[in-house]
Amino acid sequence: LGGTSDLRGFQTALRGSIILSGCIVLLIFITPLLTNYVTMNLVLFLVLFATGFFTAKIPGLVFWSEFTFLTTSAFVALNPQVPISTPTIIDSFIGTIFGLGIATVVSRLIWPLLPQRILRDSLLAVFTQLRALLGGELQRERVLTQLTNLPVEAVGAARQIRIAGCSEEERAKLVALVRTLQTLISRVGQLVSRRDLLPELTERILRPQLECLEIEFKQMLEAFAECFYKGDCSREFPAIQGAVTAMDYVVQQIRDRNLLGELPPEASLRFLDVVDRYHATADALEECGRLIGSLRIERYWGDYGL
């Protein structure tokens, strides 16, 4: 444990505590002025408006917007329209400060939600689901839906990694990898939806090579998953060019024997389309392998840097 994100987390909690301490002092002096209902609502409006104005362009809920809502709820709970003793004000905000401190300790030291772990789990899920698709997963639509969402989580996690071992260039490589995986997901989805459309005449000849190529695809995805599971990308990946070349050789034989001429034009186009899907998938896998091989995740993949 320990790292720059830990430091930022505790610094943010400390700043929040200082602000809450300032609120205690401020409320001790201004609470008598807020006995007027209109004045209290005007103060609430100004606080919430300022929060919304300055956080409108920030996607999702951030710490400071949630902090403001929490502070505002503590302020409203005081009900300053009736006399409030100083200890009541202090106790209300001290409780919030203690809650903030406990939440920081739990989230950073006891049960951390590490962005690199989220990224790892998302990528492992992508590789597993892609292998399931290639293996003939029956619930194809469910898997494709998950594969649509997982890269979004992965990109968000990659951009949140802020430790010394992960430079801007490394984060850019991670994002580029996820973008390439999105392309791969699209191509695998198109492949599995069209690979059964091969004309029967050509399928008997080409199917063994296609099955060998799919085995190579799954082995490569398994190698990718192993890299991220072990936290080390410095390894050789299975070569798929041999299987692609074998497929191209059989395709050329089919052309030389003029078997496509015996098929209707639509069936010939389906045949060429399926072959092109395999080529596109192989190209996307090789690009993923190139990007994964350039990563240095061993520098920041462990739990030691939050």
C-alpha atoms as a PDB file:
ATOM      1  CA  LEU A   1       0.000   0.000   0.000  1.00  0.00           C
ATOM      2  CA  GLY A   2       0.980   3.614  -0.270  1.00  0.00           C
ATOM      3  CA  GLY A   3       1.477   5.859  -3.249  1.00  0.00           C
ATOM      4  CA  THR A   4       0.641   9.205  -4.746  1.00  0.00           C
ATOM      5  CA  SER A   5      -3.065   8.378  -4.951  1.00  0.00           C
ATOM      6  CA  ASP A   6      -3.079   7.547  -1.239  1.00  0.00           C
ATOM      7  CA  LEU A   7      -1.501  10.930  -0.537  1.00  0.00           C
ATOM      8  CA  ARG A   8      -4.054  12.727  -2.710  1.00  0.00           C
ATOM      9  CA  GLY A   9      -6.887  10.871  -1.010  1.00  0.00           C
ATOM     10  CA  PHE A  10      -5.796  11.884   2.473  1.00  0.00           C
ATOM     11  CA  GLN A  11      -4.986  15.425   1.328  1.00  0.00           C
ATOM     12  CA  THR A  12      -8.488  15.741  -0.100  1.00  0.00           C
ATOM     13  CA  ALA A  13     -10.006  14.410   3.118  1.00  0.00           C
ATOM     14  CA  LEU A  14      -7.881  16.878   5.123  1.00  0.00           C
ATOM     15  CA  ARG A  15      -9.026  19.779   2.948  1.00  0.00           C
ATOM     16  CA  GLY A  16     -12.617  18.692   3.410  1.00  0.00           C
ATOM     17  CA  SER A  17     -12.138  18.540   7.176  1.00  0.00           C
ATOM     18  CA  ILE A  18     -10.634  22.029   7.213  1.00  0.00           C
ATOM     19  CA  ILE A  19     -13.598  23.338   5.222  1.00  0.00           C
ATOM     20  CA  LEU A  20     -16.015  21.672   7.638  1.00  0.00           C
ATOM     21  CA  SER A  21     -14.133  23.214  10.563  1.00  0.00           C
ATOM     22  CA  GLY A  22     -14.543  26.597   8.874  1.00  0.00           C
ATOM     23  CA  CYS A  23     -18.258  25.871   8.499  1.00  0.00           C
ATOM     24  CA  ILE A  24     -18.473  25.271  12.263  1.00  0.00           C
ATOM     25  CA  VAL A  25     -16.942  28.663  13.023  1.00  0.00           C
ATOM     26  CA  LEU A  26     -19.045  30.390  10.371  1.00  0.00           C
ATOM     27  CA  LEU A  27     -22.308  28.829  11.515  1.00  0.00           C
ATOM     28  CA  ILE A  28     -21.656  29.728  15.142  1.00  0.00           C
ATOM     29  CA  PHE A  29     -21.682  33.390  14.080  1.00  0.00           C
ATOM     30  CA  ILE A  30     -24.353  33.414  11.366  1.00  0.00           C
ATOM     31  CA  THR A  31     -26.907  30.952  12.763  1.00  0.00           C
ATOM     32  CA  PRO A  32     -28.808  33.758  14.576  1.00  0.00           C
ATOM     33  CA  LEU A  33     -29.165  35.524  11.219  1.00  0.00           C
ATOM     34  CA  LEU A  34     -30.721  32.444   9.585  1.00  0.00           C
ATOM     35  CA  THR A  35     -33.805  32.327  11.758  1.00  0.00           C
ATOM     36  CA  ASN A  36     -35.523  34.074   8.862  1.00  0.00           C
ATOM     37  CA  TYR A  37     -36.900  31.407   6.494  1.00  0.00           C
ATOM     38  CA  VAL A  38     -36.221  33.497   3.373  1.00  0.00           C
ATOM     39  CA  THR A  39     -32.604  34.165   4.383  1.00  0.00           C
ATOM     40  CA  MET A  40     -31.900  30.491   5.071  1.00  0.00           C
ATOM     41  CA  ASN A  41     -33.324  29.416   1.704  1.00  0.00           C
ATOM     42  CA  LEU A  42     -31.363  32.135  -0.071  1.00  0.00           C
ATOM     43  CA  VAL A  43     -28.132  30.813   1.480  1.00  0.00           C
ATOM     44  CA  LEU A  44     -29.033  27.273   0.477  1.00  0.00           C
ATOM     45  CA  PHE A  45     -29.782  28.386  -3.076  1.00  0.00           C
ATOM     46  CA  LEU A  46     -26.451  30.192  -3.411  1.00  0.00           C
ATOM     47  CA  VAL A  47     -24.484  27.216  -2.098  1.00  0.00           C
ATOM     48  CA  LEU A  48     -26.210  24.688  -4.359  1.00  0.00           C
ATOM     49  CA  PHE A  49     -26.112  26.985  -7.381  1.00  0.00           C
ATOM     50  CA  ALA A  50     -22.377  27.513  -6.977  1.00  0.00           C
ATOM     51  CA  THR A  51     -21.864  23.761  -6.677  1.00  0.00           C
ATOM     52  CA  GLY A  52     -23.883  23.020  -9.806  1.00  0.00           C
ATOM     53  CA  PHE A  53     -22.254  25.821 -11.784  1.00  0.00           C
ATOM     54  CA  PHE A  54     -18.678  24.763 -11.077  1.00  0.00           C
ATOM     55  CA  THR A  55     -19.274  21.008 -11.461  1.00  0.00           C
ATOM     56  CA  ALA A  56     -21.641  21.046 -14.466  1.00  0.00           C
ATOM     57  CA  LYS A  57     -18.905  20.112 -16.936  1.00  0.00           C
ATOM     58  CA  ILE A  58     -17.532  17.281 -14.783  1.00  0.00           C
ATOM     59  CA  PRO A  59     -18.959  13.876 -15.823  1.00  0.00           C
ATOM     60  CA  GLY A  60     -20.500  11.823 -13.033  1.00  0.00           C
ATOM     61  CA  LEU A  61     -20.420  12.554  -9.320  1.00  0.00           C
ATOM     62  CA  VAL A  62     -17.103  13.843  -8.008  1.00  0.00           C
ATOM     63  CA  PHE A  63     -15.904  14.156  -4.432  1.00  0.00           C
ATOM     64  CA  TRP A  64     -16.550  17.881  -4.062  1.00  0.00           C
ATOM     65  CA  SER A  65     -20.116  17.766  -5.370  1.00  0.00           C
ATOM     66  CA  GLU A  66     -20.961  14.929  -2.970  1.00  0.00           C
ATOM     67  CA  PHE A  67     -19.113  16.779  -0.201  1.00  0.00           C
ATOM     68  CA  THR A  68     -21.257  19.863  -0.798  1.00  0.00           C
ATOM     69  CA  PHE A  69     -24.490  17.865  -0.697  1.00  0.00           C
ATOM     70  CA  LEU A  70     -23.395  16.197   2.539  1.00  0.00           C
ATOM     71  CA  THR A  71     -22.456  19.523   4.116  1.00  0.00           C
ATOM     72  CA  THR A  72     -25.722  21.097   2.975  1.00  0.00           C
ATOM     73  CA  SER A  73     -27.752  18.230   4.446  1.00  0.00           C
ATOM     74  CA  ALA A  74     -25.913  18.654   7.760  1.00  0.00           C
ATOM     75  CA  PHE A  75     -26.694  22.385   7.643  1.00  0.00           C
ATOM     76  CA  VAL A  76     -30.392  21.817   6.902  1.00  0.00           C
ATOM     77  CA  ALA A  77     -30.623  19.229   9.700  1.00  0.00           C
ATOM     78  CA  LEU A  78     -29.637  21.938  12.202  1.00  0.00           C
ATOM     79  CA  ASN A  79     -32.906  23.808  11.573  1.00  0.00           C
ATOM     80  CA  PRO A  80     -31.486  27.253  12.416  1.00  0.00           C
ATOM     81  CA  GLN A  81     -34.988  28.759  12.679  1.00  0.00           C
ATOM     82  CA  VAL A  82     -34.885  27.855  16.353  1.00  0.00           C
ATOM     83  CA  PRO A  83     -32.028  28.672  18.759  1.00  0.00           C
ATOM     84  CA  ILE A  84     -29.143  26.213  18.334  1.00  0.00           C
ATOM     85  CA  SER A  85     -26.422  25.735  20.908  1.00  0.00           C
ATOM     86  CA  THR A  86     -22.770  25.829  19.876  1.00  0.00           C
ATOM     87  CA  PRO A  87     -22.137  22.198  20.980  1.00  0.00           C
ATOM     88  CA  THR A  88     -24.939  21.029  18.673  1.00  0.00           C
ATOM     89  CA  ILE A  89     -23.307  22.706  15.668  1.00  0.00           C
ATOM     90  CA  ILE A  90     -19.883  21.325  16.584  1.00  0.00           C
ATOM     91  CA  ASP A  91     -21.194  17.777  17.157  1.00  0.00           C
ATOM     92  CA  SER A  92     -23.038  17.762  13.828  1.00  0.00           C
ATOM     93  CA  PHE A  93     -19.997  18.672  11.741  1.00  0.00           C
ATOM     94  CA  ILE A  94     -17.488  16.710  13.863  1.00  0.00           C
ATOM     95  CA  GLY A  95     -19.558  13.626  13.043  1.00  0.00           C
ATOM     96  CA  THR A  96     -19.269  14.427   9.348  1.00  0.00           C
ATOM     97  CA  ILE A  97     -15.489  14.926   9.697  1.00  0.00           C
ATOM     98  CA  PHE A  98     -15.105  11.557  11.443  1.00  0.00           C
ATOM     99  CA  GLY A  99     -17.220   9.898   8.744  1.00  0.00           C
ATOM    100  CA  LEU A 100     -15.036  11.439   6.052  1.00  0.00           C
ATOM    101  CA  GLY A 101     -11.886  10.187   7.773  1.00  0.00           C
ATOM    102  CA  ILE A 102     -13.224   6.649   8.228  1.00  0.00           C
ATOM    103  CA  ALA A 103     -14.365   6.498   4.601  1.00  0.00           C
ATOM    104  CA  THR A 104     -10.924   7.621   3.420  1.00  0.00           C
ATOM    105  CA  VAL A 105      -9.089   5.023   5.510  1.00  0.00           C
ATOM    106  CA  VAL A 106     -11.396   2.221   4.360  1.00  0.00           C
ATOM    107  CA  SER A 107     -11.359   3.207   0.681  1.00  0.00           C
ATOM    108  CA  ARG A 108      -7.608   3.797   0.475  1.00  0.00           C
ATOM    109  CA  LEU A 109      -6.086   1.300   2.926  1.00  0.00           C
ATOM    110  CA  ILE A 110      -8.535  -1.440   3.946  1.00  0.00           C
ATOM    111  CA  TRP A 111     -10.724  -2.025   0.897  1.00  0.00           C
ATOM    112  CA  PRO A 112      -9.173  -0.047  -1.960  1.00  0.00           C
ATOM    113  CA  LEU A 113     -10.846   0.182  -5.352  1.00  0.00           C
ATOM    114  CA  LEU A 114      -7.735   0.295  -7.516  1.00  0.00           C
ATOM    115  CA  PRO A 115      -8.152   1.585 -11.079  1.00  0.00           C
ATOM    116  CA  GLN A 116      -5.506  -0.861 -12.317  1.00  0.00           C
ATOM    117  CA  ARG A 117      -7.477  -3.724 -10.792  1.00  0.00           C
ATOM    118  CA  ILE A 118     -10.672  -2.507 -12.463  1.00  0.00           C
ATOM    119  CA  LEU A 119      -8.759  -2.292 -15.737  1.00  0.00           C
ATOM    120  CA  ARG A 120      -7.328  -5.793 -15.253  1.00  0.00           C
ATOM    121  CA  ASP A 121     -10.714  -7.328 -14.464  1.00  0.00           C
ATOM    122  CA  SER A 122     -12.347  -5.584 -17.433  1.00  0.00           C
ATOM    123  CA  LEU A 123      -9.656  -6.743 -19.864  1.00  0.00           C
ATOM    124  CA  LEU A 124      -9.720 -10.308 -18.537  1.00  0.00           C
ATOM    125  CA  ALA A 125     -13.496 -10.334 -18.957  1.00  0.00           C
ATOM    126  CA  VAL A 126     -13.138  -9.081 -22.535  1.00  0.00           C
ATOM    127  CA  PHE A 127     -10.697 -11.854 -23.450  1.00  0.00           C
ATOM    128  CA  THR A 128     -12.838 -14.510 -21.750  1.00  0.00           C
ATOM    129  CA  GLN A 129     -16.019 -13.384 -23.485  1.00  0.00           C
ATOM    130  CA  LEU A 130     -14.313 -13.197 -26.877  1.00  0.00           C
ATOM    131  CA  ARG A 131     -13.100 -16.769 -26.462  1.00  0.00           C
ATOM    132  CA  ALA A 132     -16.639 -17.787 -25.508  1.00  0.00           C
ATOM    133  CA  LEU A 133     -18.005 -16.148 -28.652  1.00  0.00           C
ATOM    134  CA  LEU A 134     -15.496 -17.921 -30.869  1.00  0.00           C
ATOM    135  CA  GLY A 135     -16.302 -21.176 -29.074  1.00  0.00           C
ATOM    136  CA  GLY A 136     -19.971 -20.944 -30.010  1.00  0.00           C
ATOM    137  CA  GLU A 137     -21.492 -19.285 -26.935  1.00  0.00           C
ATOM    138  CA  LEU A 138     -25.248 -19.803 -27.143  1.00  0.00           C
ATOM    139  CA  GLN A 139     -26.209 -16.556 -25.353  1.00  0.00           C
ATOM    140  CA  ARG A 140     -24.546 -14.426 -27.992  1.00  0.00           C
ATOM    141  CA  GLU A 141     -26.598 -11.281 -27.466  1.00  0.00           C
ATOM    142  CA  ARG A 142     -25.881 -11.218 -23.728  1.00  0.00           C
ATOM    143  CA  VAL A 143     -22.161 -11.639 -24.327  1.00  0.00           C
ATOM    144  CA  LEU A 144     -22.108  -8.921 -26.989  1.00  0.00           C
ATOM    145  CA  THR A 145     -23.907  -6.556 -24.611  1.00  0.00           C
ATOM    146  CA  GLN A 146     -21.266  -7.185 -21.938  1.00  0.00           C
ATOM    147  CA  LEU A 147     -18.498  -6.712 -24.501  1.00  0.00           C
ATOM    148  CA  THR A 148     -19.973  -3.337 -25.381  1.00  0.00           C
ATOM    149  CA  ASN A 149     -19.840  -2.109 -21.777  1.00  0.00           C
ATOM    150  CA  LEU A 150     -16.511  -3.562 -20.639  1.00  0.00           C
ATOM    151  CA  PRO A 151     -14.251  -1.357 -22.826  1.00  0.00           C
ATOM    152  CA  VAL A 152     -15.983   1.759 -21.486  1.00  0.00           C
ATOM    153  CA  GLU A 153     -15.104   0.700 -17.928  1.00  0.00           C
ATOM    154  CA  ALA A 154     -11.563  -0.137 -19.025  1.00  0.00           C
ATOM    155  CA  VAL A 155     -10.961   3.279 -20.625  1.00  0.00           C
ATOM    156  CA  GLY A 156     -12.243   5.080 -17.532  1.00  0.00           C
ATOM    157  CA  ALA A 157     -10.006   2.990 -15.266  1.00  0.00           C
ATOM    158  CA  ALA A 158      -6.941   3.477 -17.498  1.00  0.00           C
ATOM    159  CA  ARG A 159      -7.327   7.244 -17.335  1.00  0.00           C
ATOM    160  CA  GLN A 160      -7.593   7.158 -13.528  1.00  0.00           C
ATOM    161  CA  ILE A 161      -4.239   5.448 -12.977  1.00  0.00           C
ATOM    162  CA  ARG A 162      -2.052   8.162 -11.485  1.00  0.00           C
ATOM    163  CA  ILE A 163       1.101   6.597 -10.076  1.00  0.00           C
ATOM    164  CA  ALA A 164       4.758   7.072 -10.865  1.00  0.00           C
ATOM    165  CA  GLY A 165       5.138   3.911 -12.939  1.00  0.00           C
ATOM    166  CA  CYS A 166       2.311   4.826 -15.313  1.00  0.00           C
ATOM    167  CA  SER A 167       3.310   7.781 -17.468  1.00  0.00           C
ATOM    168  CA  GLU A 168       1.081   9.747 -19.831  1.00  0.00           C
ATOM    169  CA  GLU A 169       2.561   7.750 -22.701  1.00  0.00           C
ATOM    170  CA  GLU A 170       1.703   4.479 -20.947  1.00  0.00           C
ATOM    171  CA  ARG A 171      -1.874   5.623 -20.320  1.00  0.00           C
ATOM    172  CA  ALA A 172      -2.152   6.574 -23.991  1.00  0.00           C
ATOM    173  CA  LYS A 173      -1.025   3.035 -24.913  1.00  0.00           C
ATOM    174  CA  LEU A 174      -3.629   1.546 -22.592  1.00  0.00           C
ATOM    175  CA  VAL A 175      -6.384   3.658 -24.125  1.00  0.00           C
ATOM    176  CA  ALA A 176      -5.166   2.747 -27.632  1.00  0.00           C
ATOM    177  CA  LEU A 177      -5.283  -0.935 -26.659  1.00  0.00           C
ATOM    178  CA  VAL A 178      -8.868  -0.639 -25.443  1.00  0.00           C
ATOM    179  CA  ARG A 179      -9.856   1.151 -28.661  1.00  0.00           C
ATOM    180  CA  THR A 180      -8.276  -1.661 -30.673  1.00  0.00           C
ATOM    181  CA  LEU A 181     -10.122  -4.196 -28.531  1.00  0.00           C
ATOM    182  CA  GLN A 182     -13.363  -2.439 -29.418  1.00  0.00           C
ATOM    183  CA  THR A 183     -12.487  -2.971 -33.079  1.00  0.00           C
ATOM    184  CA  LEU A 184     -11.666  -6.617 -32.337  1.00  0.00           C
ATOM    185  CA  ILE A 185     -14.990  -7.082 -30.528  1.00  0.00           C
ATOM    186  CA  SER A 186     -16.844  -5.703 -33.539  1.00  0.00           C
ATOM    187  CA  ARG A 187     -14.970  -7.960 -35.941  1.00  0.00           C
ATOM    188  CA  VAL A 188     -15.406 -11.092 -33.840  1.00  0.00           C
ATOM    189  CA  GLY A 189     -19.109 -10.321 -33.500  1.00  0.00           C
ATOM    190  CA  GLN A 190     -19.445 -10.004 -37.265  1.00  0.00           C
ATOM    191  CA  LEU A 191     -17.393 -13.161 -37.791  1.00  0.00           C
ATOM    192  CA  VAL A 192     -19.436 -15.425 -35.520  1.00  0.00           C
ATOM    193  CA  SER A 193     -22.681 -14.130 -37.032  1.00  0.00           C
ATOM    194  CA  ARG A 194     -21.559 -14.908 -40.610  1.00  0.00           C
ATOM    195  CA  ARG A 195     -19.182 -17.873 -40.429  1.00  0.00           C
ATOM    196  CA  ASP A 196     -22.066 -20.334 -40.819  1.00  0.00           C
ATOM    197  CA  LEU A 197     -23.040 -18.720 -44.120  1.00  0.00           C
ATOM    198  CA  LEU A 198     -20.318 -20.461 -46.123  1.00  0.00           C
ATOM    199  CA  PRO A 199     -21.702 -22.316 -49.168  1.00  0.00           C
ATOM    200  CA  GLU A 200     -21.768 -26.057 -48.520  1.00  0.00           C
ATOM    201  CA  LEU A 201     -19.511 -26.796 -51.484  1.00  0.00           C
ATOM    202  CA  THR A 202     -16.676 -24.632 -50.156  1.00  0.00           C
ATOM    203  CA  GLU A 203     -17.300 -25.273 -46.464  1.00  0.00           C
ATOM    204  CA  ARG A 204     -16.330 -28.948 -46.733  1.00  0.00           C
ATOM    205  CA  ILE A 205     -12.949 -27.906 -48.121  1.00  0.00           C
ATOM    206  CA  LEU A 206     -12.257 -24.794 -46.037  1.00  0.00           C
ATOM    207  CA  ARG A 207     -13.767 -25.702 -42.657  1.00  0.00           C
ATOM    208  CA  PRO A 208     -10.670 -27.544 -41.261  1.00  0.00           C
ATOM    209  CA  GLN A 209      -8.450 -24.505 -41.905  1.00  0.00           C
ATOM    210  CA  LEU A 210     -11.018 -22.158 -40.380  1.00  0.00           C
ATOM    211  CA  GLU A 211     -11.268 -24.299 -37.267  1.00  0.00           C
ATOM    212  CA  CYS A 212      -7.477 -24.282 -36.922  1.00  0.00           C
ATOM    213  CA  LEU A 213      -7.482 -20.504 -37.313  1.00  0.00           C
ATOM    214  CA  GLU A 214     -10.153 -20.113 -34.622  1.00  0.00           C
ATOM    215  CA  ILE A 215      -8.039 -22.262 -32.283  1.00  0.00           C
ATOM    216  CA  GLU A 216      -5.126 -19.872 -32.923  1.00  0.00           C
ATOM    217  CA  PHE A 217      -7.418 -16.929 -32.194  1.00  0.00           C
ATOM    218  CA  LYS A 218      -8.444 -18.421 -28.835  1.00  0.00           C
ATOM    219  CA  GLN A 219      -4.851 -19.273 -27.929  1.00  0.00           C
ATOM    220  CA  MET A 220      -3.824 -15.709 -28.620  1.00  0.00           C
ATOM    221  CA  LEU A 221      -6.662 -14.358 -26.465  1.00  0.00           C
ATOM    222  CA  GLU A 222      -5.622 -16.729 -23.691  1.00  0.00           C
ATOM    223  CA  ALA A 223      -2.052 -15.426 -23.940  1.00  0.00           C
ATOM    224  CA  PHE A 224      -3.326 -11.844 -23.685  1.00  0.00           C
ATOM    225  CA  ALA A 225      -5.306 -12.743 -20.566  1.00  0.00           C
ATOM    226  CA  GLU A 226      -2.273 -14.405 -19.007  1.00  0.00           C
ATOM    227  CA  CYS A 227      -0.244 -11.223 -19.496  1.00  0.00           C
ATOM    228  CA  PHE A 228      -2.689  -9.086 -17.552  1.00  0.00           C
ATOM    229  CA  TYR A 229      -3.361 -11.766 -14.948  1.00  0.00           C
ATOM    230  CA  LYS A 230       0.353 -12.123 -14.142  1.00  0.00           C
ATOM    231  CA  GLY A 231       1.120  -8.420 -14.647  1.00  0.00           C
ATOM    232  CA  ASP A 232       3.855  -8.996 -17.219  1.00  0.00           C
ATOM    233  CA  CYS A 233       3.578  -8.334 -20.953  1.00  0.00           C
ATOM    234  CA  SER A 234       7.155  -9.249 -21.850  1.00  0.00           C
ATOM    235  CA  ARG A 235       6.411 -12.527 -23.591  1.00  0.00           C
ATOM    236  CA  GLU A 236       5.988 -13.923 -27.080  1.00  0.00           C
ATOM    237  CA  PHE A 237       2.480 -14.387 -28.407  1.00  0.00           C
ATOM    238  CA  PRO A 238       1.321 -17.307 -30.551  1.00  0.00           C
ATOM    239  CA  ALA A 239       1.827 -16.673 -34.266  1.00  0.00           C
ATOM    240  CA  ILE A 240      -1.362 -16.795 -36.333  1.00  0.00           C
ATOM    241  CA  GLN A 241       0.147 -16.019 -39.716  1.00  0.00           C
ATOM    242  CA  GLY A 242       0.781 -19.711 -40.365  1.00  0.00           C
ATOM    243  CA  ALA A 243      -2.912 -20.502 -39.969  1.00  0.00           C
ATOM    244  CA  VAL A 244      -3.873 -17.473 -42.073  1.00  0.00           C
ATOM    245  CA  THR A 245      -1.486 -18.583 -44.817  1.00  0.00           C
ATOM    246  CA  ALA A 246      -2.967 -22.093 -44.745  1.00  0.00           C
ATOM    247  CA  MET A 247      -6.450 -20.620 -45.122  1.00  0.00           C
ATOM    248  CA  ASP A 248      -5.315 -18.452 -48.041  1.00  0.00           C
ATOM    249  CA  TYR A 249      -3.733 -21.477 -49.712  1.00  0.00           C
ATOM    250  CA  VAL A 250      -7.018 -23.423 -49.612  1.00  0.00           C
ATOM    251  CA  VAL A 251      -8.939 -20.350 -50.811  1.00  0.00           C
ATOM    252  CA  GLN A 252      -6.567 -20.104 -53.774  1.00  0.00           C
ATOM    253  CA  GLN A 253      -7.134 -23.800 -54.519  1.00  0.00           C
ATOM    254  CA  ILE A 254     -10.875 -23.209 -54.547  1.00  0.00           C
ATOM    255  CA  ARG A 255     -10.374 -20.383 -57.021  1.00  0.00           C
ATOM    256  CA  ASP A 256      -8.010 -22.427 -59.196  1.00  0.00           C
ATOM    257  CA  ARG A 257     -10.562 -25.236 -59.382  1.00  0.00           C
ATOM    258  CA  ASN A 258     -13.196 -22.661 -60.337  1.00  0.00           C
ATOM    259  CA  LEU A 259     -15.527 -23.869 -57.621  1.00  0.00           C
ATOM    260  CA  LEU A 260     -16.824 -20.352 -57.102  1.00  0.00           C
ATOM    261  CA  GLY A 261     -17.994 -20.349 -60.717  1.00  0.00           C
ATOM    262  CA  GLU A 262     -20.350 -23.194 -59.874  1.00  0.00           C
ATOM    263  CA  LEU A 263     -22.035 -21.111 -57.198  1.00  0.00           C
ATOM    264  CA  PRO A 264     -24.629 -18.347 -57.519  1.00  0.00           C
ATOM    265  CA  PRO A 265     -23.118 -14.847 -57.347  1.00  0.00           C
ATOM    266  CA  GLU A 266     -24.652 -14.272 -53.912  1.00  0.00           C
ATOM    267  CA  ALA A 267     -23.061 -17.450 -52.514  1.00  0.00           C
ATOM    268  CA  SER A 268     -19.659 -16.465 -53.936  1.00  0.00           C
ATOM    269  CA  LEU A 269     -19.908 -13.073 -52.246  1.00  0.00           C
ATOM    270  CA  ARG A 270     -20.795 -14.732 -48.932  1.00  0.00           C
ATOM    271  CA  PHE A 271     -17.742 -16.950 -49.259  1.00  0.00           C
ATOM    272  CA  LEU A 272     -15.421 -14.007 -49.901  1.00  0.00           C
ATOM    273  CA  ASP A 273     -17.047 -12.014 -47.092  1.00  0.00           C
ATOM    274  CA  VAL A 274     -16.454 -14.780 -44.525  1.00  0.00           C
ATOM    275  CA  VAL A 275     -12.807 -15.122 -45.579  1.00  0.00           C
ATOM    276  CA  ASP A 276     -12.395 -11.362 -45.246  1.00  0.00           C
ATOM    277  CA  ARG A 277     -13.883 -11.491 -41.703  1.00  0.00           C
ATOM    278  CA  TYR A 278     -11.201 -13.987 -40.666  1.00  0.00           C
ATOM    279  CA  HIS A 279      -8.490 -11.749 -42.136  1.00  0.00           C
ATOM    280  CA  ALA A 280      -9.881  -8.694 -40.340  1.00  0.00           C
ATOM    281  CA  THR A 281     -10.035 -10.547 -37.019  1.00  0.00           C
ATOM    282  CA  ALA A 282      -6.456 -11.790 -37.430  1.00  0.00           C
ATOM    283  CA  ASP A 283      -5.245  -8.253 -38.199  1.00  0.00           C
ATOM    284  CA  ALA A 284      -6.998  -6.848 -35.102  1.00  0.00           C
ATOM    285  CA  LEU A 285      -5.500  -9.583 -32.894  1.00  0.00           C
ATOM    286  CA  GLU A 286      -2.005  -8.880 -34.186  1.00  0.00           C
ATOM    287  CA  GLU A 287      -2.446  -5.163 -33.520  1.00  0.00           C
ATOM    288  CA  CYS A 288      -3.610  -5.955 -29.977  1.00  0.00           C
ATOM    289  CA  GLY A 289      -0.539  -8.148 -29.530  1.00  0.00           C
ATOM    290  CA  ARG A 290       1.721  -5.338 -30.696  1.00  0.00           C
ATOM    291  CA  LEU A 291       0.162  -2.860 -28.273  1.00  0.00           C
ATOM    292  CA  ILE A 292       0.182  -5.289 -25.332  1.00  0.00           C
ATOM    293  CA  GLY A 293       3.832  -6.106 -25.976  1.00  0.00           C
ATOM    294  CA  SER A 294       4.713  -2.419 -25.692  1.00  0.00           C
ATOM    295  CA  LEU A 295       3.160  -2.059 -22.216  1.00  0.00           C
ATOM    296  CA  ARG A 296       5.148  -2.056 -18.971  1.00  0.00           C
ATOM    297  CA  ILE A 297       2.357  -2.944 -16.578  1.00  0.00           C
ATOM    298  CA  GLU A 298       4.715  -4.602 -14.099  1.00  0.00           C
ATOM    299  CA  ARG A 299       5.611  -1.083 -12.926  1.00  0.00           C
ATOM    300  CA  TYR A 300       2.144  -0.236 -11.648  1.00  0.00           C
ATOM    301  CA  TRP A 301      -0.029  -3.379 -11.739  1.00  0.00           C
ATOM    302  CA  GLY A 302       0.262  -4.412  -8.088  1.00  0.00           C
ATOM    303  CA  ASP A 303      -1.586  -3.282  -4.975  1.00  0.00           C
ATOM    304  CA  TYR A 304       1.405  -1.319  -3.724  1.00  0.00           C
ATOM    305  CA  GLY A 305       0.448   1.819  -5.632  1.00  0.00           C
ATOM    306  CA  LEU A 306      -3.100   2.999  -5.208  1.00  0.00           C
END
